[in-house]
Protein backbone atom coordinates (compact mmCIF):
# COMPACT_ATOMS: atom_id res chain seq x y z
CA UNK A 1 115.46 51.85 127.96
CA UNK A 2 118.37 54.63 126.80
CA UNK A 3 116.18 54.71 123.33
CA UNK A 4 113.26 55.73 125.26
CA UNK A 5 114.94 58.08 127.29
CA UNK A 6 116.67 59.74 124.89
CA UNK A 7 113.47 59.96 122.74
CA UNK A 8 111.71 61.42 125.53
CA UNK A 9 114.27 63.96 125.85
CA UNK A 10 114.46 64.89 122.20
CA UNK A 11 110.47 65.70 122.63
CA UNK A 12 109.90 67.40 126.21
CA UNK A 13 113.46 68.86 126.65
CA UNK A 14 112.68 72.58 125.96
CA UNK A 15 109.91 72.35 128.81
CA UNK A 16 112.22 70.59 131.44
CA UNK A 17 114.67 72.69 131.21
CA UNK A 18 112.23 75.36 132.18
CA UNK A 19 110.84 73.23 134.47
CA UNK A 20 113.76 71.11 136.61
CA UNK A 21 117.16 72.37 135.15
CA UNK A 22 118.89 70.09 137.64
CA UNK A 23 117.08 67.40 136.46
CA UNK A 24 118.30 67.58 132.82
CA UNK A 25 121.63 68.01 133.73
CA UNK A 26 121.55 65.23 136.11
CA UNK A 27 119.99 63.18 132.95
CA UNK A 28 122.84 64.44 130.34
CA UNK A 29 125.72 63.72 132.87
CA UNK A 30 124.03 59.85 132.78
CA UNK A 31 123.86 59.01 129.37
CA UNK A 32 127.34 61.22 128.72
CA UNK A 33 128.64 58.52 131.37
CA UNK A 34 127.10 55.72 128.90
CA UNK A 35 128.15 56.86 126.03
CA UNK A 36 131.84 57.16 127.63
CA UNK A 37 131.63 53.92 128.78
CA UNK A 38 130.50 52.11 125.74
CA UNK A 39 127.62 50.09 127.68
CA UNK A 40 125.46 50.46 124.66
CA UNK A 41 125.16 49.36 120.60
CA UNK A 42 126.56 52.13 118.00
CA UNK A 43 123.30 52.45 117.05
CA UNK A 44 122.43 54.25 120.22
CA UNK A 45 125.76 56.07 120.70
CA UNK A 46 124.70 57.92 117.65
CA UNK A 47 121.49 58.92 118.95
CA UNK A 48 123.15 60.20 122.72
CA UNK A 49 125.68 62.24 120.56
CA UNK A 50 122.49 64.24 118.48
CA UNK A 51 120.85 64.40 121.35
CA UNK A 52 123.92 66.38 123.77
CA UNK A 53 124.30 68.31 120.20
CA UNK A 54 120.29 69.12 120.36
CA UNK A 55 120.93 70.04 124.34
CA UNK A 56 123.45 72.32 123.57
CA UNK A 57 121.23 73.96 120.65
CA UNK A 58 118.67 74.48 123.64
CA UNK A 59 116.74 71.94 121.58
CA UNK A 60 115.82 74.30 118.99
CA UNK A 61 114.32 71.89 116.29
CA UNK A 62 111.68 70.53 119.07
CA UNK A 63 109.52 73.19 120.58
CA UNK A 64 107.35 72.68 123.77
CA UNK A 65 104.37 73.53 121.65
CA UNK A 66 104.58 73.39 117.66
CA UNK A 67 103.41 76.55 116.08
CA UNK A 68 100.24 75.01 114.33
CA UNK A 69 99.17 74.31 117.66
CA UNK A 70 100.15 77.44 119.70
CA UNK A 71 96.88 79.29 118.42
CA UNK A 72 95.53 80.43 121.96
CA UNK A 73 97.20 83.76 123.31
CA UNK A 74 99.06 83.18 126.87
CA UNK A 75 96.93 85.57 128.55
CA UNK A 76 93.86 84.38 126.99
CA UNK A 77 94.02 80.76 127.77
CA UNK A 78 91.41 79.87 130.30
CA UNK A 79 93.11 76.16 132.52
CA UNK A 80 90.84 73.92 134.75
CA UNK A 81 92.93 72.01 137.65
CA UNK A 82 90.58 68.78 138.47
CA UNK A 83 91.79 66.32 141.21
CA UNK A 84 90.21 62.41 140.65
CA UNK A 85 89.85 62.29 144.01
CA UNK A 86 87.07 65.04 144.19
CA UNK A 87 83.79 64.13 145.44
CA UNK A 88 81.77 66.81 143.55
CA UNK A 89 83.06 66.15 140.11
CA UNK A 90 80.18 65.19 137.49
CA UNK A 91 80.91 62.36 135.43
CA UNK A 92 78.63 63.21 132.57
CA UNK A 93 78.75 60.00 131.16
CA UNK A 94 75.80 60.66 128.87
CA UNK A 95 78.68 62.79 126.53
CA UNK A 96 79.62 59.04 125.28
CA UNK A 97 76.46 58.26 123.83
CA UNK A 98 75.51 60.04 120.90
CA UNK A 99 72.18 62.04 120.77
CA UNK A 100 70.89 63.65 118.20
CA UNK A 101 70.51 67.57 118.61
CA UNK A 102 67.45 69.10 117.13
CA UNK A 103 69.22 72.70 117.15
CA UNK A 104 72.54 71.84 115.79
CA UNK A 105 73.12 74.65 113.33
CA UNK A 106 72.39 76.98 115.90
CA UNK A 107 74.39 75.66 118.19
CA UNK A 108 77.33 75.36 115.37
CA UNK A 109 77.14 79.12 114.71
CA UNK A 110 77.33 79.86 118.13
CA UNK A 111 80.41 77.52 118.70
CA UNK A 112 81.42 79.37 115.43
CA UNK A 113 81.36 82.85 117.11
CA UNK A 114 82.90 81.35 120.12
CA UNK A 115 85.71 80.09 117.93
CA UNK A 116 86.62 83.45 115.75
CA UNK A 117 86.95 85.43 118.86
CA UNK A 118 89.39 83.30 120.85
CA UNK A 119 91.32 82.78 117.50
CA UNK A 120 91.11 86.13 115.87
CA UNK A 121 89.13 85.20 113.06
CA UNK A 122 86.62 87.48 110.98
CA UNK A 123 83.41 86.28 109.91
CA UNK A 124 83.66 87.85 106.39
CA UNK A 125 86.61 85.92 105.82
CA UNK A 126 85.18 82.98 106.46
CA UNK A 127 82.32 83.91 104.43
CA UNK A 128 84.32 84.76 101.19
CA UNK A 129 85.91 81.86 101.91
CA UNK A 130 83.05 79.90 101.66
CA UNK A 131 81.71 82.19 98.49
CA UNK A 132 84.61 81.43 96.83
CA UNK A 133 84.87 77.44 97.56
CA UNK A 134 81.18 77.49 96.25
CA UNK A 135 81.84 79.30 93.54
CA UNK A 136 84.72 77.29 92.79
CA UNK A 137 82.85 74.54 93.17
CA UNK A 138 79.98 76.04 90.45
CA UNK A 139 82.42 76.40 87.77
CA UNK A 140 84.05 73.26 88.28
CA UNK A 141 81.23 71.84 88.18
CA UNK A 142 80.65 73.76 84.51
CA UNK A 143 83.71 72.80 83.80
CA UNK A 144 82.68 68.79 84.25
CA UNK A 145 79.70 69.70 82.23
CA UNK A 146 82.02 71.10 79.21
CA UNK A 147 84.26 69.12 79.06
CA UNK A 148 82.14 66.42 77.04
CA UNK A 149 81.41 68.73 74.33
CA UNK A 150 85.35 69.53 74.24
CA UNK A 151 86.22 65.80 73.54
CA UNK A 152 83.27 65.66 71.15
CA UNK A 153 84.97 68.26 69.30
CA UNK A 154 88.39 65.89 69.03
CA UNK A 155 90.54 68.67 70.83
CA UNK A 156 93.45 66.60 72.43
CA UNK A 157 95.93 68.72 75.07
CA UNK A 158 99.51 67.33 74.57
CA UNK A 159 101.37 66.54 78.07
CA UNK A 160 104.90 66.99 78.58
CA UNK A 161 106.58 64.20 80.48
CA UNK A 162 109.74 65.80 82.48
CA UNK A 163 112.45 63.30 83.49
CA UNK A 164 114.20 63.53 86.80
CA UNK A 165 117.53 62.76 85.93
CA UNK A 166 119.40 64.16 89.57
CA UNK A 167 117.68 60.98 91.25
CA UNK A 168 116.44 62.45 93.88
CA UNK A 169 113.93 60.59 94.90
CA UNK A 170 116.90 57.44 95.25
CA UNK A 171 118.35 59.52 97.84
CA UNK A 172 115.51 60.39 99.73
CA UNK A 173 114.24 56.90 99.48
CA UNK A 174 118.53 55.61 100.84
CA UNK A 175 118.26 58.63 103.42
CA UNK A 176 115.05 57.24 104.37
CA UNK A 177 116.16 53.17 104.79
CA UNK A 178 119.39 54.89 106.69
CA UNK A 179 117.11 56.79 109.45
CA UNK A 180 114.57 53.91 109.91
CA UNK A 181 117.60 51.20 110.00
CA UNK A 182 119.11 53.31 112.64
CA UNK A 183 116.71 54.94 114.85
CA UNK A 184 114.23 51.44 115.57
CA UNK A 185 114.12 50.02 118.88
CA UNK A 186 113.67 46.43 117.63
CA UNK A 187 113.91 44.59 114.25
CA UNK A 188 110.37 43.76 114.23
CA UNK A 189 109.64 47.80 114.32
CA UNK A 190 112.11 48.13 111.76
CA UNK A 191 110.71 45.60 109.33
CA UNK A 192 107.59 47.01 109.65
CA UNK A 193 108.97 50.45 108.87
CA UNK A 194 110.71 49.29 106.32
CA UNK A 195 107.41 47.33 104.50
CA UNK A 196 104.97 50.93 105.03
CA UNK A 197 108.01 52.82 102.25
CA UNK A 198 106.34 50.92 99.42
CA UNK A 199 109.99 50.23 98.29
CA UNK A 200 109.20 50.23 94.61
CA UNK A 201 110.01 46.85 92.40
CA UNK A 202 113.66 47.26 90.94
CA UNK A 203 114.82 49.27 93.97
CA UNK A 204 115.31 46.20 95.94
CA UNK A 205 119.09 46.18 95.72
CA UNK A 206 119.13 49.42 97.69
CA UNK A 207 117.21 48.06 101.12
CA UNK A 208 119.32 45.07 100.69
CA UNK A 209 122.62 47.44 100.04
CA UNK A 210 121.89 49.42 102.87
CA UNK A 211 121.43 46.55 105.59
CA UNK A 212 125.16 45.25 104.69
CA UNK A 213 126.59 48.38 104.56
CA UNK A 214 125.30 49.10 108.23
CA UNK A 215 125.84 45.93 109.01
CA UNK A 216 129.40 46.09 108.27
CA UNK A 217 130.26 48.84 109.91
CA UNK A 218 129.12 47.44 113.48
CA UNK A 219 131.86 46.84 115.62
CA UNK A 220 130.70 42.74 116.14
CA UNK A 221 127.82 41.00 114.18
CA UNK A 222 124.57 41.86 115.50
CA UNK A 223 121.55 39.87 114.79
CA UNK A 224 119.42 43.03 114.36
CA UNK A 225 120.44 43.01 111.25
CA UNK A 226 120.24 39.50 110.33
CA UNK A 227 116.36 39.19 111.59
CA UNK A 228 115.61 42.09 109.66
CA UNK A 229 117.24 40.72 106.33
CA UNK A 230 115.35 37.30 107.22
CA UNK A 231 112.28 38.70 107.88
CA UNK A 232 112.15 40.53 104.19
CA UNK A 233 113.60 37.63 102.23
CA UNK A 234 110.18 35.37 103.88
CA UNK A 235 108.32 38.46 102.92
CA UNK A 236 107.80 38.11 99.52
CA UNK A 237 110.51 36.16 96.99
CA UNK A 238 111.82 39.72 95.33
CA UNK A 239 113.65 40.07 98.51
CA UNK A 240 115.16 36.30 98.66
CA UNK A 241 116.02 37.64 94.99
CA UNK A 242 117.73 40.37 96.05
CA UNK A 243 119.66 39.07 98.20
CA UNK A 244 120.64 36.27 96.35
CA UNK A 245 121.97 39.03 93.86
CA UNK A 246 123.57 40.62 97.05
CA UNK A 247 125.58 37.73 97.96
CA UNK A 248 126.75 37.05 94.28
CA UNK A 249 127.92 40.81 94.33
CA UNK A 250 129.43 40.47 97.65
CA UNK A 251 131.32 37.22 97.17
CA UNK A 252 132.51 38.96 93.88
CA UNK A 253 133.89 41.99 95.33
CA UNK A 254 134.63 40.37 99.05
CA UNK A 255 138.61 41.30 98.61
CA UNK A 256 137.43 45.18 98.88
CA UNK A 257 135.97 44.62 101.81
CA UNK A 258 138.46 44.56 105.41
CA UNK A 259 138.78 42.21 108.08
CA UNK A 260 135.82 43.15 110.36
CA UNK A 261 133.18 44.28 107.35
CA UNK A 262 134.02 40.62 105.70
CA UNK A 263 133.26 38.96 109.22
CA UNK A 264 129.92 40.45 109.66
CA UNK A 265 128.37 40.51 106.59
CA UNK A 266 129.58 36.79 105.98
CA UNK A 267 127.83 36.13 109.78
CA UNK A 268 124.69 37.75 108.16
CA UNK A 269 124.63 35.11 104.81
CA UNK A 270 125.16 32.98 107.08
CA UNK A 271 122.43 33.62 109.70
CA UNK A 272 120.00 33.90 106.46
CA UNK A 273 121.20 30.51 105.04
CA UNK A 274 120.84 28.49 108.40
CA UNK A 275 117.47 29.87 109.11
CA UNK A 276 116.43 28.43 105.51
CA UNK A 277 115.14 32.64 104.49
CA UNK A 278 117.69 32.15 101.92
CA UNK A 279 118.20 29.23 99.08
CA UNK A 280 121.55 27.75 99.49
CA UNK A 281 121.29 26.53 95.60
CA UNK A 282 120.70 30.16 94.52
CA UNK A 283 123.63 31.22 96.36
CA UNK A 284 126.12 29.29 95.70
CA UNK A 285 126.25 28.14 92.60
CA UNK A 286 129.03 31.06 92.14
CA UNK A 287 131.37 29.35 94.23
CA UNK A 288 134.59 27.67 92.72
CA UNK A 289 136.43 25.93 95.14
CA UNK A 290 140.26 25.76 93.62
CA UNK A 291 143.28 28.21 93.55
CA UNK A 292 142.11 29.97 90.19
CA UNK A 293 138.91 31.40 90.84
CA UNK A 294 139.37 31.76 94.94
CA UNK A 295 141.18 34.58 96.49
CA UNK A 296 141.81 34.48 100.33
CA UNK A 297 139.19 36.90 101.13
CA UNK A 298 136.74 34.64 99.28
CA UNK A 299 137.69 31.72 101.45
CA UNK A 300 138.11 33.12 104.45
CA UNK A 301 134.67 34.39 103.51
CA UNK A 302 133.25 31.03 102.83
CA UNK A 303 135.10 29.81 105.68
CA UNK A 304 133.18 31.80 108.23
CA UNK A 305 130.02 31.33 106.80
CA UNK A 306 130.35 27.91 107.14
CA UNK A 307 131.35 27.69 110.74
CA UNK A 308 128.48 30.05 111.52
CA UNK A 309 126.25 27.90 110.07
CA UNK A 310 127.81 24.88 111.54
CA UNK A 311 127.70 26.59 115.25
CA UNK A 312 124.13 27.23 114.75
CA UNK A 313 122.84 23.89 113.14
CA UNK A 314 124.77 21.63 115.28
């Protein structure tokens, strides 16, 4: 509920400040109280903090009417107020039925004149653009006709391949994954949005590492991250292999984690193990229980995993 309020205030905040400033103040004070008392998880607290900052900036990034939609001057706007209880209201149900318009071309010209009058468009400009489009279209047709001749002549164009070594695509992918994880209301919504990102093959570790990092930063373990990871492991085999590789990497570097981060990561993998989302033999082969091959951190890591699995399985 709090996330819905935050999202709603972000969109309509500018309008509400103009219509009911006292109501906006009351809502913000309530959200500030929720933030101070820690009544929600860390992800929602971050959203509330962002909303409070946007409130100080007068919601500058969220105008009430986007510029691309603010096409008609306010003085030229004509609004009609209708009451659903009005007995004289005409339904005009035939508008929902498709009918052939015999005067379609004439009506379109009338509508084009009305639209140009309201939006301030020039008919000459439209005709010029239409002419240019038709000219470009005819030119493209001519080019298409001429292309076989050039190809038959044996002329070849050399193309230069540019490799982007700045890894800007990788940075944008990480940013998108993080924002999707932190802004989703449920794990189902988050998993659906992440699956739509079409993460390329070979980049599965970016999602795995981001989930582990976000989970480790929480004060306590949230099943939200475990359910997202479980959904991906059951989705495709490449994701289960990626999480198995993530387990091996975490186990080998577990001594670098703080106690709270270690506990959260261990509980996440325990969730994957006891739900059979991750194959045991693909992960546990890296564990060698002896004094030389383990550290105090790795033994605590294994202990937490086994305790969580025993508690969940029974």
